[in-house]
Amino acid sequence: MKRLIVAGLAAFFISSLAFANAPSTFSAAKTVAKNKVFYDQASTGLGDLYCGCAWEWVGKSGGRIDAASCGYETRTQQTRAERIEWEHIVPAWVFGHQRQCWQNGGRKHCVADDPVFRAMEADLFNLYPSVGEVNGDRSNYQYGRVAGGAPQYGACTTRVDFKGRAAEPRDEVKGLVARSTFYMYDRYGLSMSRQQQQLLMAWDRQHPVSAWEREWNSRTARVMGHHNPFITGERAWTLGHKPSREGLVSQIDTRIPTTQSASAVAGDAIIGNRNSRVYHLPRGCPSYDKVAPKNREIFASESAAIAAGYRRAGNCR
């Protein structure tokens, strides 16, 4: 009987992941992350990624920092210091530069033409709320060890070396950022320097998975449809790690190319417009065949479009 119960729970858990609907754009990912992953984290004491600050949610995915909760002091950018932003733990600039689309026209071109880049940009295992000023200061710098000196952000212990182009996060999240970085490089077949590997492997050993990181992994997996195997312990990073590249296959094969004309889209596919964030039905929506190919996002159903952050076009009858 006990085995049957365990098997039943496992089957339920697997089936729940199978019905997950991962966000398809960065904009949608921020909203999903707020509502499905970090919904109760604004004032738990764990705080944002780099400084441990509490915040108050504002709007669809933004927030207002409570600087007193973490002893935060603004360095130079007051407006960004007051707000929550969404940090890519592996910066879009870093993974974008390993895609041909970036060489052909930068981030905007990648968003328009590369489904794998869009998947990386919207991957919830790589997104975390952060004080906007620190997010901006970290920029696209790699993680590294930053020599001591005067505090840059008050009681916040994250440090940025602008000259050396490196950022060292607070100790409490060093393991988390290491395992998130391993995940991204493994899933999307990215190339990491030996020095960066050695540093992150050390952080992974020194800072084991916490109870919150396990919960973060579980919540995110319910949306993404898979876990971060470097958090669950299913995989471990070693020098010369051979990436699984699992994200390269799943994200390309399931999409209809955006260069197809609307008439070539099979069945009752929904066409979304990435610029306006509205979707059009094949019947009753006069603008269905007027969405520019470069702005087109194809969905199998209205529910999928809504989950990705789209709304029905106002001229649909």
Protein backbone atom coordinates (compact mmCIF):
# COMPACT_ATOMS: atom_id res chain seq x y z
CA MET A 1 0.00 0.00 0.00
CA LYS A 2 2.80 2.40 0.93
CA ARG A 3 4.47 1.79 -2.44
CA LEU A 4 1.19 2.48 -4.24
CA ILE A 5 0.77 5.78 -2.41
CA VAL A 6 4.32 6.87 -3.22
CA ALA A 7 3.87 5.85 -6.85
CA GLY A 8 0.60 7.75 -7.02
CA LEU A 9 2.14 10.90 -5.59
CA ALA A 10 5.05 10.64 -8.02
CA ALA A 11 2.65 10.22 -10.95
CA PHE A 12 0.63 13.23 -9.83
CA PHE A 13 3.76 15.35 -9.47
CA ILE A 14 5.06 14.35 -12.91
CA SER A 15 1.70 15.00 -14.54
CA SER A 16 1.48 18.42 -12.87
CA LEU A 17 4.86 19.32 -14.37
CA ALA A 18 3.77 18.06 -17.77
CA PHE A 19 0.95 20.60 -17.82
CA ALA A 20 3.24 23.48 -16.88
CA ASN A 21 3.23 26.46 -19.21
CA ALA A 22 6.58 28.24 -19.20
CA PRO A 23 6.56 31.95 -20.13
CA SER A 24 7.72 32.65 -23.67
CA THR A 25 8.95 36.24 -23.22
CA PHE A 26 10.95 38.17 -20.64
CA SER A 27 7.99 40.47 -20.02
CA ALA A 28 5.70 37.53 -19.31
CA ALA A 29 8.38 35.84 -17.19
CA LYS A 30 8.57 38.78 -14.77
CA THR A 31 4.82 38.66 -14.16
CA VAL A 32 4.81 34.88 -13.76
CA ALA A 33 7.80 35.03 -11.40
CA LYS A 34 5.98 37.52 -9.20
CA ASN A 35 2.67 35.61 -9.14
CA LYS A 36 3.90 32.01 -9.08
CA VAL A 37 7.35 32.04 -7.47
CA PHE A 38 8.11 35.13 -5.36
CA TYR A 39 4.53 36.04 -4.43
CA ASP A 40 5.21 35.78 -0.67
CA GLN A 41 8.88 36.74 -0.58
CA ALA A 42 8.67 40.52 -0.38
CA SER A 43 8.81 40.57 3.44
CA THR A 44 9.95 37.12 4.58
CA GLY A 45 13.40 38.19 5.78
CA LEU A 46 15.18 36.49 2.88
CA GLY A 47 14.91 39.63 0.76
CA ASP A 48 16.12 40.45 -2.71
CA LEU A 49 19.05 38.67 -4.36
CA TYR A 50 22.01 40.95 -3.69
CA CYS A 51 21.17 42.81 -0.48
CA GLY A 52 18.44 40.91 1.35
CA CYS A 53 16.10 43.91 1.23
CA ALA A 54 12.36 43.62 1.75
CA TRP A 55 10.09 45.28 -0.79
CA GLU A 56 6.46 46.08 -1.56
CA TRP A 57 4.99 44.82 -4.83
CA VAL A 58 3.86 47.56 -7.21
CA GLY A 59 2.17 47.00 -10.58
CA LYS A 60 2.41 43.81 -12.63
CA SER A 61 5.94 42.83 -11.67
CA GLY A 62 7.66 45.78 -10.01
CA GLY A 63 8.33 46.68 -6.43
CA ARG A 64 9.40 49.43 -4.02
CA ILE A 65 12.48 48.73 -1.87
CA ASP A 66 12.36 49.06 1.91
CA ALA A 67 15.92 50.33 2.39
CA ALA A 68 15.65 50.37 6.19
CA SER A 69 14.97 46.61 6.24
CA CYS A 70 18.49 45.85 5.02
CA GLY A 71 20.44 49.01 5.84
CA TYR A 72 20.73 49.86 2.15
CA GLU A 73 22.38 53.16 1.19
CA THR A 74 22.23 54.55 -2.33
CA ARG A 75 25.53 54.71 -4.17
CA THR A 76 24.60 57.07 -7.05
CA GLN A 77 21.29 56.08 -8.66
CA GLN A 78 18.49 57.03 -6.31
CA THR A 79 15.60 56.11 -8.62
CA ARG A 80 16.90 52.61 -9.31
CA ALA A 81 17.89 52.18 -5.66
CA GLU A 82 14.25 52.56 -4.69
CA ARG A 83 12.82 49.90 -6.98
CA ILE A 84 12.88 46.15 -7.54
CA GLU A 85 14.21 44.99 -10.90
CA TRP A 86 14.56 41.48 -12.31
CA GLU A 87 18.15 40.31 -12.44
CA HIS A 88 19.33 37.76 -14.99
CA ILE A 89 21.80 35.78 -12.88
CA VAL A 90 23.53 34.91 -16.14
CA PRO A 91 23.20 38.27 -17.95
CA ALA A 92 21.38 38.44 -21.30
CA TRP A 93 24.52 40.07 -22.72
CA VAL A 94 26.56 37.00 -21.73
CA PHE A 95 24.32 34.32 -23.20
CA GLY A 96 23.31 36.55 -26.11
CA HIS A 97 26.91 36.93 -27.22
CA GLN A 98 27.04 33.17 -27.69
CA ARG A 99 24.16 33.30 -30.20
CA GLN A 100 24.56 34.24 -33.85
CA CYS A 101 21.54 36.55 -33.66
CA TRP A 102 23.48 38.93 -31.36
CA GLN A 103 26.24 39.25 -33.92
CA ASN A 104 23.59 40.09 -36.52
CA GLY A 105 21.88 42.88 -34.61
CA GLY A 106 22.12 42.65 -30.83
CA ARG A 107 19.44 41.88 -28.25
CA LYS A 108 16.55 43.30 -30.26
CA HIS A 109 17.40 41.05 -33.18
CA CYS A 110 17.67 38.01 -30.88
CA VAL A 111 14.25 38.68 -29.35
CA ALA A 112 12.70 38.94 -32.81
CA ASP A 113 14.39 36.01 -34.54
CA ASP A 114 15.89 33.50 -32.08
CA PRO A 115 13.48 31.26 -30.09
CA VAL A 116 16.35 29.83 -28.04
CA PHE A 117 17.41 33.33 -26.92
CA ARG A 118 13.82 34.11 -25.97
CA ALA A 119 13.70 30.90 -23.93
CA MET A 120 16.91 31.84 -22.12
CA GLU A 121 15.70 35.40 -21.51
CA ALA A 122 12.43 34.10 -20.02
CA ASP A 123 13.85 31.14 -18.06
CA LEU A 124 12.61 31.52 -14.49
CA PHE A 125 15.57 29.63 -13.04
CA ASN A 126 17.72 32.60 -14.10
CA LEU A 127 15.49 35.42 -12.77
CA TYR A 128 15.52 36.89 -9.27
CA PRO A 129 14.27 40.19 -7.75
CA SER A 130 17.09 42.63 -7.07
CA VAL A 131 17.63 46.21 -5.92
CA GLY A 132 17.64 48.10 -9.21
CA GLU A 133 20.81 50.06 -8.53
CA VAL A 134 22.83 46.91 -7.77
CA ASN A 135 21.32 45.19 -10.79
CA GLY A 136 22.48 48.11 -12.94
CA ASP A 137 25.93 48.23 -11.35
CA ARG A 138 26.44 44.49 -11.80
CA SER A 139 25.66 45.07 -15.51
CA ASN A 140 27.00 42.16 -17.60
CA TYR A 141 29.99 41.49 -15.35
CA GLN A 142 31.00 37.93 -14.49
CA TYR A 143 31.02 36.87 -10.85
CA GLY A 144 34.36 37.14 -9.08
CA ARG A 145 36.14 37.96 -5.84
CA VAL A 146 36.17 41.69 -5.13
CA ALA A 147 38.78 43.11 -2.75
CA GLY A 148 37.53 44.85 0.39
CA GLY A 149 37.24 48.55 0.97
CA ALA A 150 34.57 51.06 1.93
CA PRO A 151 31.02 49.64 1.69
CA GLN A 152 29.33 50.61 -1.58
CA TYR A 153 25.69 50.09 -0.54
CA GLY A 154 25.59 50.62 3.22
CA ALA A 155 25.00 47.34 5.07
CA CYS A 156 24.55 45.44 1.79
CA THR A 157 27.66 43.28 1.38
CA THR A 158 27.49 42.68 -2.37
CA ARG A 159 30.43 44.41 -4.07
CA VAL A 160 31.10 45.50 -7.65
CA ASP A 161 34.55 46.06 -9.16
CA PHE A 162 33.86 48.45 -12.03
CA LYS A 163 37.45 48.54 -13.22
CA GLY A 164 37.87 44.78 -13.12
CA ARG A 165 34.32 44.16 -14.41
CA ALA A 166 33.43 41.70 -11.66
CA ALA A 167 30.68 41.35 -9.04
CA GLU A 168 30.78 39.41 -5.77
CA PRO A 169 27.33 38.74 -4.28
CA ARG A 170 26.66 38.43 -0.57
CA ASP A 171 27.60 35.07 0.98
CA GLU A 172 23.98 34.05 1.51
CA VAL A 173 23.34 33.65 -2.25
CA LYS A 174 26.74 32.58 -3.60
CA GLY A 175 25.65 28.95 -3.78
CA LEU A 176 22.35 29.88 -5.39
CA VAL A 177 23.94 31.98 -8.13
CA ALA A 178 26.50 29.22 -8.78
CA ARG A 179 23.84 26.54 -9.25
CA SER A 180 21.68 28.84 -11.38
CA THR A 181 24.69 29.60 -13.57
CA PHE A 182 25.49 25.90 -13.93
CA TYR A 183 21.89 25.29 -14.97
CA MET A 184 21.93 27.93 -17.72
CA TYR A 185 25.29 26.85 -19.14
CA ASP A 186 24.26 23.19 -19.06
CA ARG A 187 20.75 23.56 -20.49
CA TYR A 188 21.65 25.94 -23.31
CA GLY A 189 25.12 24.66 -24.17
CA LEU A 190 27.03 27.79 -23.20
CA SER A 191 30.80 28.05 -22.85
CA MET A 192 32.28 29.06 -19.46
CA SER A 193 35.86 30.04 -18.72
CA ARG A 194 37.96 27.76 -16.52
CA GLN A 195 38.43 30.57 -13.97
CA GLN A 196 34.66 31.14 -13.69
CA GLN A 197 34.03 27.41 -13.34
CA GLN A 198 36.54 27.09 -10.50
CA LEU A 199 35.09 30.05 -8.60
CA LEU A 200 31.48 28.86 -8.90
CA MET A 201 32.42 25.29 -8.01
CA ALA A 202 33.99 26.64 -4.81
CA TRP A 203 30.87 28.65 -3.98
CA ASP A 204 28.71 25.60 -4.68
CA ARG A 205 30.72 23.56 -2.14
CA GLN A 206 30.96 26.30 0.47
CA HIS A 207 27.28 27.27 0.38
CA PRO A 208 24.98 24.20 0.24
CA VAL A 209 21.38 24.29 -0.98
CA SER A 210 19.13 26.05 1.54
CA ALA A 211 15.51 25.28 2.42
CA TRP A 212 14.38 28.36 0.48
CA GLU A 213 16.42 27.37 -2.58
CA ARG A 214 14.68 23.98 -2.60
CA GLU A 215 11.30 25.71 -2.35
CA TRP A 216 12.30 28.17 -5.10
CA ASN A 217 13.24 25.20 -7.27
CA SER A 218 9.92 23.45 -6.62
CA ARG A 219 7.81 26.52 -7.37
CA THR A 220 9.76 27.29 -10.51
CA ALA A 221 9.58 23.68 -11.70
CA ARG A 222 5.79 23.76 -11.48
CA VAL A 223 5.83 26.54 -14.08
CA MET A 224 8.80 25.52 -16.22
CA GLY A 225 8.01 21.80 -16.33
CA HIS A 226 11.45 20.70 -15.07
CA HIS A 227 13.78 21.18 -12.11
CA ASN A 228 17.25 22.67 -11.83
CA PRO A 229 19.25 19.42 -11.50
CA PHE A 230 22.12 21.26 -9.81
CA ILE A 231 19.77 22.13 -6.95
CA THR A 232 18.18 18.67 -6.67
CA GLY A 233 21.60 16.99 -6.78
CA GLU A 234 20.87 15.06 -9.97
CA ARG A 235 23.90 16.72 -11.58
CA ALA A 236 27.16 18.20 -10.36
CA TRP A 237 29.45 20.55 -12.25
CA THR A 238 33.07 19.54 -12.78
CA LEU A 239 35.80 21.13 -14.87
CA GLY A 240 35.17 20.38 -18.52
CA HIS A 241 31.47 19.65 -17.87
CA LYS A 242 29.69 18.49 -21.03
CA PRO A 243 26.40 20.42 -21.34
CA SER A 244 23.15 18.50 -21.80
CA ARG A 245 21.85 21.18 -24.23
CA GLU A 246 18.30 20.16 -23.36
CA GLY A 247 16.97 23.66 -23.86
CA LEU A 248 18.20 23.86 -27.46
CA VAL A 249 15.94 21.06 -28.65
CA SER A 250 12.76 21.68 -26.71
CA GLN A 251 12.56 25.38 -27.46
CA ILE A 252 13.17 25.18 -31.22
CA ASP A 253 11.11 22.16 -32.18
CA THR A 254 7.87 23.30 -30.55
CA ARG A 255 7.65 26.69 -32.27
CA ILE A 256 6.21 27.67 -35.62
CA PRO A 257 8.75 29.88 -37.43
CA THR A 258 7.85 33.56 -37.17
CA THR A 259 8.66 34.03 -40.87
CA GLN A 260 5.58 32.02 -41.90
CA SER A 261 2.64 33.95 -43.27
CA ALA A 262 -0.57 33.82 -41.25
CA SER A 263 -2.21 31.71 -43.97
CA ALA A 264 0.49 29.05 -43.48
CA VAL A 265 -0.23 28.63 -39.76
CA ALA A 266 -2.00 25.34 -39.34
CA GLY A 267 -5.35 24.77 -37.61
CA ASP A 268 -6.66 27.23 -35.06
CA ALA A 269 -3.34 28.70 -33.95
CA ILE A 270 -3.43 32.01 -32.08
CA ILE A 271 -1.18 34.82 -33.32
CA GLY A 272 0.26 37.18 -30.72
CA ASN A 273 1.92 40.53 -31.33
CA ARG A 274 5.07 40.93 -29.22
CA ASN A 275 4.94 44.73 -29.46
CA SER A 276 1.32 45.29 -28.42
CA ARG A 277 1.07 42.17 -26.22
CA VAL A 278 -2.32 41.32 -27.75
CA TYR A 279 -3.35 38.11 -29.52
CA HIS A 280 -5.65 37.50 -32.49
CA LEU A 281 -8.00 34.58 -33.14
CA PRO A 282 -8.19 32.96 -36.61
CA ARG A 283 -11.88 33.87 -36.76
CA GLY A 284 -13.53 37.08 -35.67
CA CYS A 285 -10.30 39.11 -35.42
CA PRO A 286 -9.75 41.31 -38.49
CA SER A 287 -6.04 41.87 -37.72
CA TYR A 288 -5.20 38.15 -37.57
CA ASP A 289 -3.17 38.23 -40.80
CA LYS A 290 -1.75 41.71 -40.31
CA VAL A 291 0.83 41.06 -37.58
CA ALA A 292 4.34 41.60 -38.94
CA PRO A 293 6.31 38.31 -39.07
CA LYS A 294 9.11 39.69 -36.87
CA ASN A 295 6.57 40.53 -34.13
CA ARG A 296 4.60 37.28 -34.38
CA GLU A 297 4.31 34.78 -31.53
CA ILE A 298 2.30 31.61 -32.19
CA PHE A 299 0.19 29.92 -29.51
CA ALA A 300 -1.79 26.69 -29.59
CA SER A 301 -4.65 28.11 -27.50
CA GLU A 302 -6.03 31.27 -25.91
CA SER A 303 -5.05 29.98 -22.46
CA ALA A 304 -1.44 29.65 -23.60
CA ALA A 305 -1.46 33.23 -24.90
CA ILE A 306 -2.97 34.56 -21.68
CA ALA A 307 -0.44 32.63 -19.57
CA ALA A 308 2.33 34.28 -21.59
CA GLY A 309 1.00 37.73 -20.65
CA TYR A 310 -1.07 38.52 -23.75
CA ARG A 311 -4.66 39.83 -23.95
CA ARG A 312 -7.25 39.46 -26.72
CA ALA A 313 -7.23 42.23 -29.34
CA GLY A 314 -9.98 44.78 -28.79
CA ASN A 315 -11.31 44.55 -32.36
CA CYS A 316 -12.07 40.82 -32.11
CA ARG A 317 -15.80 40.13 -32.46
